[in-house]
Each structure stands twice: as structure tokens, then as C-alpha cells.
Amino acid sequence: RLRKARGPTVWKADFHYNKFRNSHNIVINEGTGRAFAVGTNTCSGSLHMMDISNPTNPVFLGCFSADGYTHDAQCVVYHGPTMEFVGKEICFAYNEDTLTIVDVTDASAPVMLSQTTYQGVKYAHQGWLDEAHEYAYADDELDEYKSSDKITKTYIFDVRDLKYPTLR
């Protein structure tokens, strides 16, 4: 409908999802047809998981709430070097003071694989995986503002072992 719109238009919703009030961000995994609302009033602000393969009938799948508020995330069908997780749906969540890696393959029983912080963390804000799923590149929204070091940094996490990531 949007592509055919010409000029101002009043839209009628196809569907209203009412399982949370608001969301800081919505992460989509196109490979699985799932959406992950983060920063909501549910799931302790962490991963509120939905099946959106039928967009006009989204289905709540479960919560991950073991590590508190998630500001941003990236969820992928994993193809990196940790063989036991290849083909599984893995979320890399940026949770204020950690990079938290979660196996969400079974959304009704997600499993936290690791929780990694770093020296000087102020607000682990967002990040993105490289194409090989070996490194996660992250930024800290407040590290320049709340410390004496005013140089902008990109934090590089070696995530070749999902259970034991390290800061490079």
C-alpha cells in the first residue's frame, strides 16, 4: 500500500499487536521470520520474541529476561566457528553494561550462552557482527562523555567461541 500512495493518506492498521506498550527498538531476523522487541515494558526490557512470518497475525513466542534491559540486538541464523551452534538462532544483545549472547532457537526456553563486559563500560549501546560471525563490533554511547578519555572507540569482541567471548 505504501508504494502506491500518492499524497497525504490516512492509514488503517492491518493489525495491532498489544502484548507490549512501547519498544525502544525492534530487531528483525529475516532468516527466521522473527521479530525481537527490546526496551519494552515486558521481558524485563529484554528480548520479547514474536513470529512475524504472517505479518497480519504476529504470534508471541517467549521472553528472554535473565540479563535485564536490552538497548539493541542483532539476531542471526548462526554460521560462525562455534560448531555446536551452527544453524541455530543466536541473538547478540547489547544490555547497557554487557554483550549478552543468547540461543533463542527455542524461544520458549532461551539460553544465555555468555555475558561479557569490558573495562570502563558506561553504556553498551549497539553492535554488529562481521559476515563470518567471528567478531562483534560495538560502541559505548557514554564512554567519551562520562570518562576522561574523550576518544571515540569501537570495541571489538572476538566471538569465535560464543560461550567465552573476549575483548580484542
C-alpha atoms as a PDB file:
ATOM      1  CA  ARG A   1       0.000   0.000   0.000  1.00  0.00           C
ATOM      2  CA  LEU A   2       2.802   2.423   0.816  1.00  0.00           C
ATOM      3  CA  ARG A   3       4.452   2.145  -2.593  1.00  0.00           C
ATOM      4  CA  LYS A   4       1.199   3.042  -4.332  1.00  0.00           C
ATOM      5  CA  ALA A   5       0.367   6.018  -2.087  1.00  0.00           C
ATOM      6  CA  ARG A   6       0.231   9.434  -3.705  1.00  0.00           C
ATOM      7  CA  GLY A   7      -0.002  12.437  -1.424  1.00  0.00           C
ATOM      8  CA  PRO A   8      -1.283  12.570   2.169  1.00  0.00           C
ATOM      9  CA  THR A   9      -3.084   9.385   3.219  1.00  0.00           C
ATOM     10  CA  VAL A  10      -4.878   8.234   6.348  1.00  0.00           C
ATOM     11  CA  TRP A  11      -3.993   4.606   7.042  1.00  0.00           C
ATOM     12  CA  LYS A  12      -5.995   1.918   8.791  1.00  0.00           C
ATOM     13  CA  ALA A  13      -3.936  -0.651  10.694  1.00  0.00           C
ATOM     14  CA  ASP A  14      -3.868  -4.174   9.303  1.00  0.00           C
ATOM     15  CA  PHE A  15      -3.250  -5.469  12.822  1.00  0.00           C
ATOM     16  CA  HIS A  16      -2.493  -4.057  16.256  1.00  0.00           C
ATOM     17  CA  TYR A  17      -0.096  -6.091  18.416  1.00  0.00           C
ATOM     18  CA  ASN A  18      -0.992  -5.348  22.028  1.00  0.00           C
ATOM     19  CA  LYS A  19       1.434  -7.518  24.015  1.00  0.00           C
ATOM     20  CA  PHE A  20       3.620  -4.509  24.969  1.00  0.00           C
ATOM     21  CA  ARG A  21       3.056  -0.767  25.113  1.00  0.00           C
ATOM     22  CA  ASN A  22       6.196   0.640  23.542  1.00  0.00           C
ATOM     23  CA  SER A  23       9.594  -0.503  22.345  1.00  0.00           C
ATOM     24  CA  HIS A  24      12.962   1.170  22.096  1.00  0.00           C
ATOM     25  CA  ASN A  25      13.803  -0.916  19.033  1.00  0.00           C
ATOM     26  CA  ILE A  26      12.545  -3.858  17.020  1.00  0.00           C
ATOM     27  CA  VAL A  27      15.128  -6.290  15.665  1.00  0.00           C
ATOM     28  CA  ILE A  28      14.128  -8.444  12.693  1.00  0.00           C
ATOM     29  CA  ASN A  29      15.699 -11.745  11.698  1.00  0.00           C
ATOM     30  CA  GLU A  30      14.574 -12.141   8.101  1.00  0.00           C
ATOM     31  CA  GLY A  31      16.074 -15.641   8.038  1.00  0.00           C
ATOM     32  CA  THR A  32      13.581 -16.942  10.605  1.00  0.00           C
ATOM     33  CA  GLY A  33      10.625 -14.581  10.247  1.00  0.00           C
ATOM     34  CA  ARG A  34      11.024 -13.442  13.831  1.00  0.00           C
ATOM     35  CA  ALA A  35      10.967 -10.034  15.466  1.00  0.00           C
ATOM     36  CA  PHE A  36      12.538  -9.131  18.799  1.00  0.00           C
ATOM     37  CA  ALA A  37      11.211  -6.068  20.562  1.00  0.00           C
ATOM     38  CA  VAL A  38      13.750  -4.647  23.011  1.00  0.00           C
ATOM     39  CA  GLY A  39      13.329  -1.972  25.632  1.00  0.00           C
ATOM     40  CA  THR A  40       9.667  -2.813  26.183  1.00  0.00           C
ATOM     41  CA  ASN A  41       7.650  -2.922  29.379  1.00  0.00           C
ATOM     42  CA  THR A  42       7.789  -6.748  29.165  1.00  0.00           C
ATOM     43  CA  CYS A  43      10.571  -9.342  29.482  1.00  0.00           C
ATOM     44  CA  SER A  44      12.500  -7.034  31.857  1.00  0.00           C
ATOM     45  CA  GLY A  45      13.087  -4.824  28.816  1.00  0.00           C
ATOM     46  CA  SER A  46      14.980  -7.612  27.057  1.00  0.00           C
ATOM     47  CA  LEU A  47      14.054  -9.862  24.114  1.00  0.00           C
ATOM     48  CA  HIS A  48      10.285 -10.021  23.527  1.00  0.00           C
ATOM     49  CA  MET A  49      10.161 -12.650  20.756  1.00  0.00           C
ATOM     50  CA  MET A  50       7.488 -12.856  18.059  1.00  0.00           C
ATOM     51  CA  ASP A  51       6.851 -14.895  14.941  1.00  0.00           C
ATOM     52  CA  ILE A  52       6.020 -12.412  12.181  1.00  0.00           C
ATOM     53  CA  SER A  53       6.057 -14.866   9.272  1.00  0.00           C
ATOM     54  CA  ASN A  54       2.390 -13.905   8.862  1.00  0.00           C
ATOM     55  CA  PRO A  55       2.708 -10.115   9.390  1.00  0.00           C
ATOM     56  CA  THR A  56      -1.003  -9.533   9.968  1.00  0.00           C
ATOM     57  CA  ASN A  57      -1.074 -12.202  12.670  1.00  0.00           C
ATOM     58  CA  PRO A  58       2.114 -11.986  14.768  1.00  0.00           C
ATOM     59  CA  VAL A  59       2.455 -14.597  17.500  1.00  0.00           C
ATOM     60  CA  PHE A  60       4.216 -14.108  20.841  1.00  0.00           C
ATOM     61  CA  LEU A  61       6.889 -16.810  21.259  1.00  0.00           C
ATOM     62  CA  GLY A  62       8.597 -16.024  24.541  1.00  0.00           C
ATOM     63  CA  CYS A  63      10.863 -13.818  26.600  1.00  0.00           C
ATOM     64  CA  PHE A  64      14.499 -13.653  27.458  1.00  0.00           C
ATOM     65  CA  SER A  65      14.851 -11.618  30.630  1.00  0.00           C
ATOM     66  CA  ALA A  66      17.823 -13.088  32.504  1.00  0.00           C
ATOM     67  CA  ASP A  67      20.106 -10.087  31.900  1.00  0.00           C
ATOM     68  CA  GLY A  68      17.787  -7.110  32.193  1.00  0.00           C
ATOM     69  CA  TYR A  69      17.264  -4.298  29.710  1.00  0.00           C
ATOM     70  CA  THR A  70      18.440  -4.724  26.116  1.00  0.00           C
ATOM     71  CA  HIS A  71      19.123  -1.496  24.256  1.00  0.00           C
ATOM     72  CA  ASP A  72      19.816  -3.083  20.875  1.00  0.00           C
ATOM     73  CA  ALA A  73      20.486  -6.512  19.408  1.00  0.00           C
ATOM     74  CA  GLN A  74      21.287  -8.458  16.287  1.00  0.00           C
ATOM     75  CA  CYS A  75      19.729 -11.900  15.829  1.00  0.00           C
ATOM     76  CA  VAL A  76      21.056 -14.259  13.176  1.00  0.00           C
ATOM     77  CA  VAL A  77      20.995 -17.823  11.976  1.00  0.00           C
ATOM     78  CA  TYR A  78      24.498 -18.562  13.174  1.00  0.00           C
ATOM     79  CA  HIS A  79      27.159 -19.792  10.734  1.00  0.00           C
ATOM     80  CA  GLY A  80      30.318 -18.982  12.684  1.00  0.00           C
ATOM     81  CA  PRO A  81      33.038 -21.243  14.053  1.00  0.00           C
ATOM     82  CA  THR A  82      31.336 -22.463  17.266  1.00  0.00           C
ATOM     83  CA  MET A  83      30.096 -25.664  15.630  1.00  0.00           C
ATOM     84  CA  GLU A  84      27.530 -26.641  18.255  1.00  0.00           C
ATOM     85  CA  PHE A  85      25.511 -23.515  17.399  1.00  0.00           C
ATOM     86  CA  VAL A  86      25.727 -23.541  13.593  1.00  0.00           C
ATOM     87  CA  GLY A  87      22.207 -23.288  12.167  1.00  0.00           C
ATOM     88  CA  LYS A  88      20.724 -22.058  15.454  1.00  0.00           C
ATOM     89  CA  GLU A  89      19.185 -18.648  16.013  1.00  0.00           C
ATOM     90  CA  ILE A  90      21.550 -16.594  18.148  1.00  0.00           C
ATOM     91  CA  CYS A  91      20.996 -13.065  19.456  1.00  0.00           C
ATOM     92  CA  PHE A  92      23.816 -10.675  20.306  1.00  0.00           C
ATOM     93  CA  ALA A  93      22.234  -8.290  22.811  1.00  0.00           C
ATOM     94  CA  TYR A  94      23.735  -5.003  23.954  1.00  0.00           C
ATOM     95  CA  ASN A  95      22.480  -4.782  27.533  1.00  0.00           C
ATOM     96  CA  GLU A  96      23.712  -1.490  28.975  1.00  0.00           C
ATOM     97  CA  ASP A  97      26.854  -2.990  30.538  1.00  0.00           C
ATOM     98  CA  THR A  98      27.357  -6.264  28.646  1.00  0.00           C
ATOM     99  CA  LEU A  99      27.363  -8.024  25.332  1.00  0.00           C
ATOM    100  CA  THR A 100      24.996 -10.897  26.107  1.00  0.00           C
ATOM    101  CA  ILE A 101      24.782 -13.814  23.683  1.00  0.00           C
ATOM    102  CA  VAL A 102      21.575 -15.862  23.739  1.00  0.00           C
ATOM    103  CA  ASP A 103      20.451 -19.006  21.916  1.00  0.00           C
ATOM    104  CA  VAL A 104      16.822 -18.242  21.049  1.00  0.00           C
ATOM    105  CA  THR A 105      16.265 -21.240  18.774  1.00  0.00           C
ATOM    106  CA  ASP A 106      13.604 -22.417  21.226  1.00  0.00           C
ATOM    107  CA  ALA A 107      12.003 -19.068  22.019  1.00  0.00           C
ATOM    108  CA  SER A 108      10.000 -20.589  24.851  1.00  0.00           C
ATOM    109  CA  ALA A 109      13.252 -21.572  26.613  1.00  0.00           C
ATOM    110  CA  PRO A 110      16.084 -19.246  25.512  1.00  0.00           C
ATOM    111  CA  VAL A 111      19.559 -19.998  26.857  1.00  0.00           C
ATOM    112  CA  MET A 112      22.118 -17.349  27.800  1.00  0.00           C
ATOM    113  CA  LEU A 113      25.446 -18.520  26.378  1.00  0.00           C
ATOM    114  CA  SER A 114      27.599 -15.705  27.728  1.00  0.00           C
ATOM    115  CA  GLN A 115      27.623 -12.294  29.310  1.00  0.00           C
ATOM    116  CA  THR A 116      30.714 -10.166  28.669  1.00  0.00           C
ATOM    117  CA  THR A 117      31.533  -6.703  29.951  1.00  0.00           C
ATOM    118  CA  TYR A 118      34.624  -4.558  29.445  1.00  0.00           C
ATOM    119  CA  GLN A 119      36.758  -2.180  31.450  1.00  0.00           C
ATOM    120  CA  GLY A 120      35.341   1.335  31.500  1.00  0.00           C
ATOM    121  CA  VAL A 121      31.874   0.333  30.323  1.00  0.00           C
ATOM    122  CA  LYS A 122      29.421   3.211  30.601  1.00  0.00           C
ATOM    123  CA  TYR A 123      26.549   2.178  28.282  1.00  0.00           C
ATOM    124  CA  ALA A 124      26.929  -0.768  25.896  1.00  0.00           C
ATOM    125  CA  HIS A 125      24.755   0.705  23.193  1.00  0.00           C
ATOM    126  CA  GLN A 126      24.779  -1.249  19.945  1.00  0.00           C
ATOM    127  CA  GLY A 127      26.820  -3.528  17.777  1.00  0.00           C
ATOM    128  CA  TRP A 128      27.019  -5.626  14.639  1.00  0.00           C
ATOM    129  CA  LEU A 129      28.600  -8.932  13.657  1.00  0.00           C
ATOM    130  CA  ASP A 130      31.044  -9.352  10.841  1.00  0.00           C
ATOM    131  CA  GLU A 131      29.907 -11.548   7.950  1.00  0.00           C
ATOM    132  CA  ALA A 132      31.824 -14.598   9.218  1.00  0.00           C
ATOM    133  CA  HIS A 133      30.188 -14.319  12.685  1.00  0.00           C
ATOM    134  CA  GLU A 134      33.637 -14.173  14.294  1.00  0.00           C
ATOM    135  CA  TYR A 135      33.726 -10.599  15.607  1.00  0.00           C
ATOM    136  CA  ALA A 136      31.136  -8.238  17.054  1.00  0.00           C
ATOM    137  CA  TYR A 137      31.821  -4.525  16.670  1.00  0.00           C
ATOM    138  CA  ALA A 138      30.228  -2.424  19.401  1.00  0.00           C
ATOM    139  CA  ASP A 139      30.074   1.094  20.674  1.00  0.00           C
ATOM    140  CA  ASP A 140      29.512   2.588  24.085  1.00  0.00           C
ATOM    141  CA  GLU A 141      27.172   5.545  23.986  1.00  0.00           C
ATOM    142  CA  LEU A 142      28.590   7.272  27.049  1.00  0.00           C
ATOM    143  CA  ASP A 143      32.274   6.313  27.334  1.00  0.00           C
ATOM    144  CA  GLU A 144      33.538   9.612  25.909  1.00  0.00           C
ATOM    145  CA  TYR A 145      31.035  11.629  27.899  1.00  0.00           C
ATOM    146  CA  LYS A 146      31.485  10.003  31.308  1.00  0.00           C
ATOM    147  CA  SER A 147      35.239   9.429  31.365  1.00  0.00           C
ATOM    148  CA  SER A 148      38.398  11.453  30.977  1.00  0.00           C
ATOM    149  CA  ASP A 149      39.224   9.673  27.685  1.00  0.00           C
ATOM    150  CA  LYS A 150      37.284  11.615  25.037  1.00  0.00           C
ATOM    151  CA  ILE A 151      38.361   9.493  22.058  1.00  0.00           C
ATOM    152  CA  THR A 152      35.556   7.661  20.259  1.00  0.00           C
ATOM    153  CA  LYS A 153      36.154   3.914  20.211  1.00  0.00           C
ATOM    154  CA  THR A 154      34.819   0.818  18.541  1.00  0.00           C
ATOM    155  CA  TYR A 155      35.014  -2.202  20.822  1.00  0.00           C
ATOM    156  CA  ILE A 156      35.826  -5.441  19.043  1.00  0.00           C
ATOM    157  CA  PHE A 157      34.673  -8.659  20.659  1.00  0.00           C
ATOM    158  CA  ASP A 158      36.137 -11.955  19.488  1.00  0.00           C
ATOM    159  CA  VAL A 159      33.006 -14.134  19.424  1.00  0.00           C
ATOM    160  CA  ARG A 160      34.522 -17.185  17.731  1.00  0.00           C
ATOM    161  CA  ASP A 161      33.605 -19.039  20.928  1.00  0.00           C
ATOM    162  CA  LEU A 162      30.072 -17.937  21.800  1.00  0.00           C
ATOM    163  CA  LYS A 163      30.406 -19.142  25.380  1.00  0.00           C
ATOM    164  CA  TYR A 164      33.665 -17.259  26.033  1.00  0.00           C
ATOM    165  CA  PRO A 165      33.871 -14.017  24.012  1.00  0.00           C
ATOM    166  CA  THR A 166      36.831 -11.750  24.620  1.00  0.00           C
ATOM    167  CA  LEU A 167      37.512  -8.092  24.010  1.00  0.00           C
ATOM    168  CA  ARG A 168      40.282  -7.602  21.448  1.00  0.00           C
END
